[in-house]
N, C-alpha and C. Protein backbone atom coordinates (compact mmCIF):
# COMPACT_ATOMS: atom_id res chain seq x y z
N MET A 1 -13.67 9.82 2.55
CA MET A 1 -12.31 9.86 2.00
C MET A 1 -11.33 9.27 3.02
N ALA A 2 -10.27 8.70 2.47
CA ALA A 2 -9.22 8.09 3.27
C ALA A 2 -7.88 8.72 2.87
N THR A 3 -6.91 8.63 3.75
CA THR A 3 -5.63 9.30 3.54
C THR A 3 -4.47 8.32 3.58
N ILE A 4 -3.56 8.46 2.62
CA ILE A 4 -2.32 7.71 2.59
C ILE A 4 -1.19 8.69 2.90
N THR A 5 -0.36 8.34 3.87
CA THR A 5 0.72 9.24 4.28
C THR A 5 2.06 8.52 4.22
N ILE A 6 3.03 9.19 3.60
CA ILE A 6 4.43 8.76 3.60
C ILE A 6 5.23 9.96 4.06
N ASP A 7 6.00 9.76 5.13
CA ASP A 7 6.73 10.85 5.76
C ASP A 7 5.72 11.94 6.12
N GLU A 8 5.87 13.12 5.61
CA GLU A 8 4.94 14.22 5.93
C GLU A 8 4.01 14.55 4.78
N LYS A 9 4.02 13.74 3.72
CA LYS A 9 3.16 13.98 2.55
C LYS A 9 1.95 13.06 2.59
N SER A 10 0.78 13.59 2.24
CA SER A 10 -0.45 12.81 2.25
C SER A 10 -1.25 13.04 0.98
N ILE A 11 -1.99 12.01 0.58
CA ILE A 11 -2.92 12.10 -0.55
C ILE A 11 -4.21 11.41 -0.11
N GLU A 12 -5.34 12.03 -0.47
CA GLU A 12 -6.63 11.44 -0.16
C GLU A 12 -7.11 10.58 -1.32
N VAL A 13 -7.74 9.46 -0.97
CA VAL A 13 -8.38 8.59 -1.95
C VAL A 13 -9.78 8.28 -1.44
N ALA A 14 -10.66 7.92 -2.35
CA ALA A 14 -12.01 7.54 -1.95
C ALA A 14 -11.97 6.21 -1.21
N ASP A 15 -12.85 6.05 -0.22
CA ASP A 15 -12.94 4.79 0.49
C ASP A 15 -13.14 3.65 -0.50
N GLY A 16 -12.36 2.59 -0.35
CA GLY A 16 -12.47 1.43 -1.22
C GLY A 16 -11.61 1.48 -2.47
N ASP A 17 -10.94 2.61 -2.71
CA ASP A 17 -10.11 2.74 -3.91
C ASP A 17 -8.75 2.06 -3.73
N SER A 18 -8.16 1.67 -4.86
CA SER A 18 -6.81 1.16 -4.90
C SER A 18 -5.86 2.27 -4.45
N ILE A 19 -4.75 1.88 -3.82
CA ILE A 19 -3.79 2.89 -3.38
C ILE A 19 -2.63 3.05 -4.35
N LYS A 20 -2.64 2.30 -5.47
CA LYS A 20 -1.51 2.32 -6.43
C LYS A 20 -1.13 3.73 -6.87
N ASP A 21 -2.07 4.46 -7.45
CA ASP A 21 -1.75 5.77 -8.03
C ASP A 21 -1.28 6.75 -6.97
N ALA A 22 -1.95 6.77 -5.83
CA ALA A 22 -1.56 7.69 -4.76
C ALA A 22 -0.17 7.36 -4.25
N CYS A 23 0.13 6.08 -4.07
CA CYS A 23 1.45 5.67 -3.60
C CYS A 23 2.53 6.06 -4.60
N GLU A 24 2.23 5.87 -5.87
CA GLU A 24 3.20 6.24 -6.91
C GLU A 24 3.48 7.74 -6.86
N GLN A 25 2.44 8.54 -6.66
CA GLN A 25 2.62 10.00 -6.56
C GLN A 25 3.45 10.37 -5.33
N LEU A 26 3.38 9.53 -4.28
CA LEU A 26 4.13 9.79 -3.06
C LEU A 26 5.53 9.20 -3.08
N GLY A 27 5.91 8.55 -4.18
CA GLY A 27 7.29 8.09 -4.34
C GLY A 27 7.52 6.60 -4.24
N VAL A 28 6.46 5.80 -4.09
CA VAL A 28 6.64 4.35 -4.07
C VAL A 28 6.96 3.90 -5.50
N LEU A 29 7.98 3.05 -5.63
CA LEU A 29 8.37 2.53 -6.94
C LEU A 29 7.46 1.38 -7.33
N PHE A 30 7.16 1.26 -8.61
CA PHE A 30 6.35 0.16 -9.13
C PHE A 30 7.06 -0.49 -10.30
N GLY A 31 6.91 -1.80 -10.40
CA GLY A 31 7.45 -2.56 -11.53
C GLY A 31 6.30 -3.15 -12.31
N CYS A 32 5.91 -4.36 -11.93
CA CYS A 32 4.90 -5.09 -12.70
C CYS A 32 3.47 -4.61 -12.42
N ARG A 33 3.18 -4.06 -11.27
CA ARG A 33 1.85 -3.60 -10.84
C ARG A 33 0.84 -4.75 -10.74
N ASN A 34 1.33 -6.00 -10.67
CA ASN A 34 0.46 -7.17 -10.59
C ASN A 34 0.69 -8.03 -9.36
N GLY A 35 1.64 -7.66 -8.52
CA GLY A 35 1.83 -8.38 -7.27
C GLY A 35 2.89 -9.46 -7.26
N PHE A 36 3.82 -9.43 -8.20
CA PHE A 36 4.84 -10.48 -8.22
C PHE A 36 6.27 -9.96 -8.08
N CYS A 37 6.54 -8.74 -8.50
CA CYS A 37 7.94 -8.27 -8.52
C CYS A 37 8.42 -7.73 -7.17
N ARG A 38 7.50 -7.37 -6.28
CA ARG A 38 7.80 -6.84 -4.94
C ARG A 38 8.40 -5.45 -4.94
N THR A 39 8.46 -4.79 -6.08
CA THR A 39 9.02 -3.44 -6.12
C THR A 39 8.22 -2.48 -5.25
N CYS A 40 6.92 -2.65 -5.20
CA CYS A 40 6.06 -1.72 -4.46
C CYS A 40 5.81 -2.16 -3.02
N GLU A 41 6.69 -2.99 -2.48
CA GLU A 41 6.53 -3.47 -1.11
C GLU A 41 6.63 -2.30 -0.13
N ILE A 42 5.67 -2.26 0.79
CA ILE A 42 5.62 -1.19 1.79
C ILE A 42 5.50 -1.80 3.18
N GLU A 43 5.88 -1.02 4.16
CA GLU A 43 5.64 -1.37 5.56
C GLU A 43 4.53 -0.46 6.05
N VAL A 44 3.49 -1.03 6.61
CA VAL A 44 2.37 -0.25 7.12
C VAL A 44 2.69 0.11 8.57
N LEU A 45 2.91 1.40 8.81
CA LEU A 45 3.29 1.88 10.14
C LEU A 45 2.07 2.13 11.02
N GLU A 46 0.98 2.57 10.42
CA GLU A 46 -0.28 2.82 11.13
C GLU A 46 -1.44 2.54 10.19
N GLY A 47 -2.52 1.98 10.73
CA GLY A 47 -3.74 1.79 9.95
C GLY A 47 -3.81 0.51 9.15
N TYR A 48 -3.04 -0.50 9.51
CA TYR A 48 -3.04 -1.77 8.78
C TYR A 48 -4.46 -2.32 8.62
N GLU A 49 -5.26 -2.16 9.65
CA GLU A 49 -6.64 -2.68 9.65
C GLU A 49 -7.55 -1.94 8.68
N ASN A 50 -7.09 -0.82 8.14
CA ASN A 50 -7.89 -0.04 7.19
C ASN A 50 -7.70 -0.49 5.75
N LEU A 51 -6.83 -1.47 5.53
CA LEU A 51 -6.58 -2.00 4.19
C LEU A 51 -7.37 -3.29 3.98
N THR A 52 -7.61 -3.62 2.72
CA THR A 52 -8.26 -4.88 2.39
C THR A 52 -7.39 -6.05 2.87
N GLU A 53 -7.99 -7.23 2.91
CA GLU A 53 -7.24 -8.42 3.32
C GLU A 53 -6.12 -8.72 2.33
N ILE A 54 -5.15 -9.47 2.78
CA ILE A 54 -4.02 -9.84 1.94
C ILE A 54 -4.51 -10.62 0.72
N SER A 55 -3.97 -10.27 -0.44
CA SER A 55 -4.36 -10.92 -1.69
C SER A 55 -3.68 -12.28 -1.83
N GLU A 56 -4.14 -13.07 -2.78
CA GLU A 56 -3.51 -14.36 -3.07
C GLU A 56 -2.05 -14.18 -3.46
N ASN A 57 -1.77 -13.13 -4.22
CA ASN A 57 -0.38 -12.88 -4.65
C ASN A 57 0.51 -12.57 -3.44
N GLU A 58 -0.01 -11.80 -2.49
CA GLU A 58 0.77 -11.49 -1.29
C GLU A 58 0.98 -12.74 -0.44
N GLU A 59 -0.03 -13.60 -0.36
CA GLU A 59 0.12 -14.87 0.35
C GLU A 59 1.16 -15.74 -0.33
N PHE A 60 1.13 -15.77 -1.66
CA PHE A 60 2.05 -16.60 -2.43
C PHE A 60 3.50 -16.23 -2.17
N ILE A 61 3.79 -14.92 -2.08
CA ILE A 61 5.18 -14.50 -1.85
C ILE A 61 5.51 -14.42 -0.36
N MET A 62 4.56 -14.81 0.48
CA MET A 62 4.73 -14.93 1.93
C MET A 62 5.22 -13.64 2.60
N LEU A 63 4.48 -12.57 2.38
CA LEU A 63 4.81 -11.31 3.05
C LEU A 63 4.55 -11.43 4.54
N ASP A 64 5.42 -10.87 5.33
CA ASP A 64 5.26 -10.86 6.78
C ASP A 64 4.58 -9.57 7.22
N TYR A 65 3.69 -9.67 8.22
CA TYR A 65 3.07 -8.50 8.82
C TYR A 65 4.16 -7.59 9.35
N PRO A 66 4.13 -6.32 9.14
CA PRO A 66 3.09 -5.46 8.57
C PRO A 66 3.38 -5.05 7.13
N LYS A 67 4.01 -5.91 6.36
CA LYS A 67 4.35 -5.57 4.98
C LYS A 67 3.19 -5.90 4.05
N ARG A 68 3.07 -5.10 2.99
CA ARG A 68 2.06 -5.30 1.96
C ARG A 68 2.65 -4.89 0.62
N LEU A 69 1.95 -5.22 -0.45
CA LEU A 69 2.29 -4.72 -1.78
C LEU A 69 1.30 -3.63 -2.11
N ALA A 70 1.78 -2.45 -2.40
CA ALA A 70 0.88 -1.31 -2.67
C ALA A 70 -0.03 -1.59 -3.86
N CYS A 71 0.44 -2.38 -4.81
CA CYS A 71 -0.38 -2.66 -6.00
C CYS A 71 -1.55 -3.58 -5.70
N GLN A 72 -1.56 -4.21 -4.54
CA GLN A 72 -2.61 -5.17 -4.20
C GLN A 72 -3.62 -4.64 -3.18
N CYS A 73 -3.38 -3.45 -2.66
CA CYS A 73 -4.21 -2.93 -1.55
C CYS A 73 -5.28 -1.95 -2.01
N ARG A 74 -6.37 -2.00 -1.28
CA ARG A 74 -7.40 -0.96 -1.36
C ARG A 74 -7.54 -0.41 0.05
N LEU A 75 -7.78 0.88 0.13
CA LEU A 75 -7.94 1.54 1.42
C LEU A 75 -9.43 1.62 1.73
N LEU A 76 -9.86 0.93 2.77
CA LEU A 76 -11.28 0.83 3.09
C LEU A 76 -11.84 2.08 3.76
N LYS A 77 -11.07 2.66 4.67
CA LYS A 77 -11.55 3.82 5.43
C LYS A 77 -10.38 4.50 6.12
N ASP A 78 -10.66 5.64 6.70
CA ASP A 78 -9.70 6.40 7.52
C ASP A 78 -8.38 6.63 6.79
N GLY A 79 -7.32 5.97 7.22
CA GLY A 79 -6.05 6.23 6.58
C GLY A 79 -4.98 5.25 6.99
N VAL A 80 -3.85 5.35 6.29
CA VAL A 80 -2.67 4.54 6.61
C VAL A 80 -1.44 5.43 6.52
N ARG A 81 -0.47 5.09 7.32
CA ARG A 81 0.86 5.70 7.22
C ARG A 81 1.78 4.57 6.84
N ILE A 82 2.50 4.76 5.73
CA ILE A 82 3.34 3.69 5.20
C ILE A 82 4.77 4.16 4.97
N LYS A 83 5.62 3.18 4.78
CA LYS A 83 7.03 3.45 4.45
C LYS A 83 7.40 2.54 3.29
N PRO A 84 7.82 3.12 2.15
CA PRO A 84 8.26 2.30 1.02
C PRO A 84 9.54 1.54 1.41
N LEU A 85 9.66 0.29 1.01
CA LEU A 85 10.86 -0.47 1.33
C LEU A 85 11.92 -0.36 0.26
N TRP A 86 11.55 0.11 -0.93
CA TRP A 86 12.50 0.30 -2.04
C TRP A 86 12.36 1.73 -2.54
N GLN A 87 13.43 2.47 -2.52
CA GLN A 87 13.38 3.85 -3.01
C GLN A 87 14.58 4.15 -3.86
């Protein structure tokens, strides 16, 4: 199991699972859920290396490290601490 943390709240997800639902439960806003609207943009504060590689959609919109789109990420192992950029 892996852990997603925002502020002091955490949710566990299975290794390799998408982080969309857990992030939404933790307060990350979602729009299109397909990687184009940027509503679910997050800053990865810890554990960036525990996420899957940047998707084509994230490359297309030219996200800068350590930002990601929550709708495009899977958590491979351990955990991440993130900060939503839109609340």
